[in-house]
Amino acid sequence: MSNLSNKLSVIKNLTILERQLHELEINFLEESPSPDRIDELNRFVIDAQAELNPTSYQPQVDLLNLMGIGLRKSLRNKSQFSDLYIDLCCCGIETILVSLETEQQNEKLEWIKEEFLGYLGKQEVFI
């Protein structure tokens, strides 16, 4: 990351994304997210990715990419998120934020990435 403003932008986008995912989880039984809402969530992922230097933050970029894949599948399939998918996203966001704060890569990033890959590979992202 080249400067403080990039880092603050990533933190802002991920914090908003996490808050909106928590709102979706709370409303999970009441309503499915609209295509516009899913597109908005994906925009936060894309914006956060754009601010990260892949050379220095490849695990974080990879994890955000997996989140984006799930969001794009939801748009394509017009289906609802599962609780597990939302939990994986929120856990991933928290781990990315901690890694940005400490400026250290940690094993949890790789673990969550593997969990995402396993989840996306074994079953549908959405129920």
C-alpha atoms as a PDB file:
ATOM      1  CA  MET A   1       0.000   0.000   0.000  1.00  0.00           C
ATOM      2  CA  SER A   2       1.555   3.226  -1.064  1.00  0.00           C
ATOM      3  CA  ASN A   3       0.083   5.605   1.484  1.00  0.00           C
ATOM      4  CA  LEU A   4      -2.164   6.143   4.446  1.00  0.00           C
ATOM      5  CA  SER A   5      -5.124   7.297   2.341  1.00  0.00           C
ATOM      6  CA  ASN A   6      -5.160   3.962   0.458  1.00  0.00           C
ATOM      7  CA  LYS A   7      -5.160   2.068   3.734  1.00  0.00           C
ATOM      8  CA  LEU A   8      -7.940   4.229   5.153  1.00  0.00           C
ATOM      9  CA  SER A   9      -9.983   3.708   1.988  1.00  0.00           C
ATOM     10  CA  VAL A  10      -9.628  -0.082   2.268  1.00  0.00           C
ATOM     11  CA  ILE A  11     -10.587   0.017   5.945  1.00  0.00           C
ATOM     12  CA  LYS A  12     -13.617   2.201   5.191  1.00  0.00           C
ATOM     13  CA  ASN A  13     -14.847  -0.037   2.356  1.00  0.00           C
ATOM     14  CA  LEU A  14     -14.395  -3.223   4.360  1.00  0.00           C
ATOM     15  CA  THR A  15     -16.053  -1.769   7.454  1.00  0.00           C
ATOM     16  CA  ILE A  16     -19.105  -0.717   5.430  1.00  0.00           C
ATOM     17  CA  LEU A  17     -19.198  -4.109   3.696  1.00  0.00           C
ATOM     18  CA  GLU A  18     -19.064  -5.928   7.025  1.00  0.00           C
ATOM     19  CA  ARG A  19     -21.848  -3.795   8.489  1.00  0.00           C
ATOM     20  CA  GLN A  20     -24.060  -4.453   5.453  1.00  0.00           C
ATOM     21  CA  LEU A  21     -23.375  -8.194   5.605  1.00  0.00           C
ATOM     22  CA  HIS A  22     -24.408  -8.196   9.279  1.00  0.00           C
ATOM     23  CA  GLU A  23     -27.631  -6.411   8.287  1.00  0.00           C
ATOM     24  CA  LEU A  24     -28.278  -9.074   5.652  1.00  0.00           C
ATOM     25  CA  GLU A  25     -27.682 -11.792   8.231  1.00  0.00           C
ATOM     26  CA  ILE A  26     -30.142 -10.183  10.662  1.00  0.00           C
ATOM     27  CA  ASN A  27     -32.765  -9.900   7.904  1.00  0.00           C
ATOM     28  CA  PHE A  28     -31.892 -13.320   6.428  1.00  0.00           C
ATOM     29  CA  LEU A  29     -35.305 -14.889   7.058  1.00  0.00           C
ATOM     30  CA  GLU A  30     -37.297 -11.827   6.049  1.00  0.00           C
ATOM     31  CA  GLU A  31     -35.958 -10.889   2.636  1.00  0.00           C
ATOM     32  CA  SER A  32     -33.518 -11.770  -0.098  1.00  0.00           C
ATOM     33  CA  PRO A  33     -31.061  -9.047  -1.084  1.00  0.00           C
ATOM     34  CA  SER A  34     -31.979  -7.218  -4.270  1.00  0.00           C
ATOM     35  CA  PRO A  35     -29.621  -7.305  -7.266  1.00  0.00           C
ATOM     36  CA  ASP A  36     -28.823  -3.645  -6.614  1.00  0.00           C
ATOM     37  CA  ARG A  37     -27.869  -4.442  -3.006  1.00  0.00           C
ATOM     38  CA  ILE A  38     -25.625  -7.313  -4.080  1.00  0.00           C
ATOM     39  CA  ASP A  39     -24.031  -5.122  -6.733  1.00  0.00           C
ATOM     40  CA  GLU A  40     -23.398  -2.476  -4.058  1.00  0.00           C
ATOM     41  CA  LEU A  41     -21.725  -5.070  -1.821  1.00  0.00           C
ATOM     42  CA  ASN A  42     -19.561  -6.201  -4.715  1.00  0.00           C
ATOM     43  CA  ARG A  43     -18.543  -2.583  -5.374  1.00  0.00           C
ATOM     44  CA  PHE A  44     -17.108  -2.351  -1.833  1.00  0.00           C
ATOM     45  CA  VAL A  45     -15.071  -5.505  -2.502  1.00  0.00           C
ATOM     46  CA  ILE A  46     -13.816  -4.155  -5.844  1.00  0.00           C
ATOM     47  CA  ASP A  47     -12.931  -0.776  -4.352  1.00  0.00           C
ATOM     48  CA  ALA A  48     -11.013  -2.382  -1.478  1.00  0.00           C
ATOM     49  CA  GLN A  49      -9.126  -4.643  -3.914  1.00  0.00           C
ATOM     50  CA  ALA A  50      -8.201  -1.684  -6.097  1.00  0.00           C
ATOM     51  CA  GLU A  51      -6.480   0.038  -3.171  1.00  0.00           C
ATOM     52  CA  LEU A  52      -4.366  -2.990  -2.206  1.00  0.00           C
ATOM     53  CA  ASN A  53      -0.997  -3.559  -3.823  1.00  0.00           C
ATOM     54  CA  PRO A  54      -1.068  -7.243  -4.862  1.00  0.00           C
ATOM     55  CA  THR A  55       2.691  -7.523  -4.464  1.00  0.00           C
ATOM     56  CA  SER A  56       2.479  -6.691  -0.766  1.00  0.00           C
ATOM     57  CA  TYR A  57      -1.039  -7.914   0.011  1.00  0.00           C
ATOM     58  CA  GLN A  58      -1.655 -10.950  -2.204  1.00  0.00           C
ATOM     59  CA  PRO A  59      -3.448 -13.073   0.462  1.00  0.00           C
ATOM     60  CA  GLN A  60      -5.835 -10.195   1.200  1.00  0.00           C
ATOM     61  CA  VAL A  61      -6.484  -9.612  -2.518  1.00  0.00           C
ATOM     62  CA  ASP A  62      -7.117 -13.343  -3.008  1.00  0.00           C
ATOM     63  CA  LEU A  63      -9.576 -13.429  -0.132  1.00  0.00           C
ATOM     64  CA  LEU A  64     -11.447 -10.401  -1.451  1.00  0.00           C
ATOM     65  CA  ASN A  65     -11.558 -12.053  -4.863  1.00  0.00           C
ATOM     66  CA  LEU A  66     -13.253 -15.116  -3.362  1.00  0.00           C
ATOM     67  CA  MET A  67     -15.823 -12.880  -1.668  1.00  0.00           C
ATOM     68  CA  GLY A  68     -16.472 -11.184  -4.996  1.00  0.00           C
ATOM     69  CA  ILE A  69     -16.931 -14.525  -6.748  1.00  0.00           C
ATOM     70  CA  GLY A  70     -19.678 -15.416  -4.296  1.00  0.00           C
ATOM     71  CA  LEU A  71     -21.373 -12.060  -4.758  1.00  0.00           C
ATOM     72  CA  ARG A  72     -21.243 -12.322  -8.548  1.00  0.00           C
ATOM     73  CA  LYS A  73     -22.666 -15.856  -8.401  1.00  0.00           C
ATOM     74  CA  SER A  74     -25.548 -14.507  -6.355  1.00  0.00           C
ATOM     75  CA  LEU A  75     -26.275 -11.915  -9.017  1.00  0.00           C
ATOM     76  CA  ARG A  76     -26.064 -14.496 -11.783  1.00  0.00           C
ATOM     77  CA  ASN A  77     -28.158 -17.132  -9.964  1.00  0.00           C
ATOM     78  CA  LYS A  78     -30.550 -14.660  -8.326  1.00  0.00           C
ATOM     79  CA  SER A  79     -30.258 -16.572  -5.068  1.00  0.00           C
ATOM     80  CA  GLN A  80     -29.950 -15.823  -1.385  1.00  0.00           C
ATOM     81  CA  PHE A  81     -26.786 -15.923   0.703  1.00  0.00           C
ATOM     82  CA  SER A  82     -26.308 -18.735   3.195  1.00  0.00           C
ATOM     83  CA  ASP A  83     -25.466 -17.924   6.821  1.00  0.00           C
ATOM     84  CA  LEU A  84     -22.137 -19.728   6.440  1.00  0.00           C
ATOM     85  CA  TYR A  85     -21.166 -17.617   3.429  1.00  0.00           C
ATOM     86  CA  ILE A  86     -21.918 -14.407   5.327  1.00  0.00           C
ATOM     87  CA  ASP A  87     -19.955 -15.700   8.345  1.00  0.00           C
ATOM     88  CA  LEU A  88     -16.953 -16.530   6.130  1.00  0.00           C
ATOM     89  CA  CYS A  89     -17.069 -13.048   4.584  1.00  0.00           C
ATOM     90  CA  CYS A  90     -17.240 -11.327   7.972  1.00  0.00           C
ATOM     91  CA  CYS A  91     -14.427 -13.464   9.375  1.00  0.00           C
ATOM     92  CA  GLY A  92     -12.363 -12.723   6.267  1.00  0.00           C
ATOM     93  CA  ILE A  93     -12.976  -8.993   6.562  1.00  0.00           C
ATOM     94  CA  GLU A  94     -11.951  -8.966  10.230  1.00  0.00           C
ATOM     95  CA  THR A  95      -8.779 -10.901   9.428  1.00  0.00           C
ATOM     96  CA  ILE A  96      -7.890  -8.555   6.566  1.00  0.00           C
ATOM     97  CA  LEU A  97      -8.426  -5.525   8.802  1.00  0.00           C
ATOM     98  CA  VAL A  98      -6.172  -6.991  11.516  1.00  0.00           C
ATOM     99  CA  SER A  99      -3.471  -7.818   8.972  1.00  0.00           C
ATOM    100  CA  LEU A 100      -3.585  -4.258   7.629  1.00  0.00           C
ATOM    101  CA  GLU A 101      -3.349  -2.832  11.126  1.00  0.00           C
ATOM    102  CA  THR A 102      -0.421  -5.014  12.147  1.00  0.00           C
ATOM    103  CA  GLU A 103       1.231  -4.956   8.699  1.00  0.00           C
ATOM    104  CA  GLN A 104       1.824  -8.696   9.058  1.00  0.00           C
ATOM    105  CA  GLN A 105       0.601 -11.630   7.052  1.00  0.00           C
ATOM    106  CA  ASN A 106      -0.844 -14.280   9.298  1.00  0.00           C
ATOM    107  CA  GLU A 107      -1.853 -17.890   9.012  1.00  0.00           C
ATOM    108  CA  LYS A 108      -5.501 -17.050   9.548  1.00  0.00           C
ATOM    109  CA  LEU A 109      -5.628 -15.346   6.130  1.00  0.00           C
ATOM    110  CA  GLU A 110      -4.577 -18.588   4.454  1.00  0.00           C
ATOM    111  CA  TRP A 111      -6.902 -20.638   6.639  1.00  0.00           C
ATOM    112  CA  ILE A 112      -9.935 -18.495   5.728  1.00  0.00           C
ATOM    113  CA  LYS A 113      -8.936 -18.573   2.073  1.00  0.00           C
ATOM    114  CA  GLU A 114      -8.856 -22.391   2.221  1.00  0.00           C
ATOM    115  CA  GLU A 115     -12.247 -22.412   3.969  1.00  0.00           C
ATOM    116  CA  PHE A 116     -13.696 -20.236   1.187  1.00  0.00           C
ATOM    117  CA  LEU A 117     -12.222 -22.459  -1.508  1.00  0.00           C
ATOM    118  CA  GLY A 118     -13.569 -25.569   0.188  1.00  0.00           C
ATOM    119  CA  TYR A 119     -16.975 -24.048   0.696  1.00  0.00           C
ATOM    120  CA  LEU A 120     -17.258 -22.753  -2.848  1.00  0.00           C
ATOM    121  CA  GLY A 121     -16.019 -26.045  -4.238  1.00  0.00           C
ATOM    122  CA  LYS A 122     -18.206 -28.426  -2.225  1.00  0.00           C
ATOM    123  CA  GLN A 123     -21.567 -26.776  -2.386  1.00  0.00           C
ATOM    124  CA  GLU A 124     -23.523 -23.918  -3.772  1.00  0.00           C
ATOM    125  CA  VAL A 125     -22.641 -20.599  -2.213  1.00  0.00           C
ATOM    126  CA  PHE A 126     -26.327 -19.891  -1.765  1.00  0.00           C
ATOM    127  CA  ILE A 127     -29.317 -21.846  -0.521  1.00  0.00           C
END
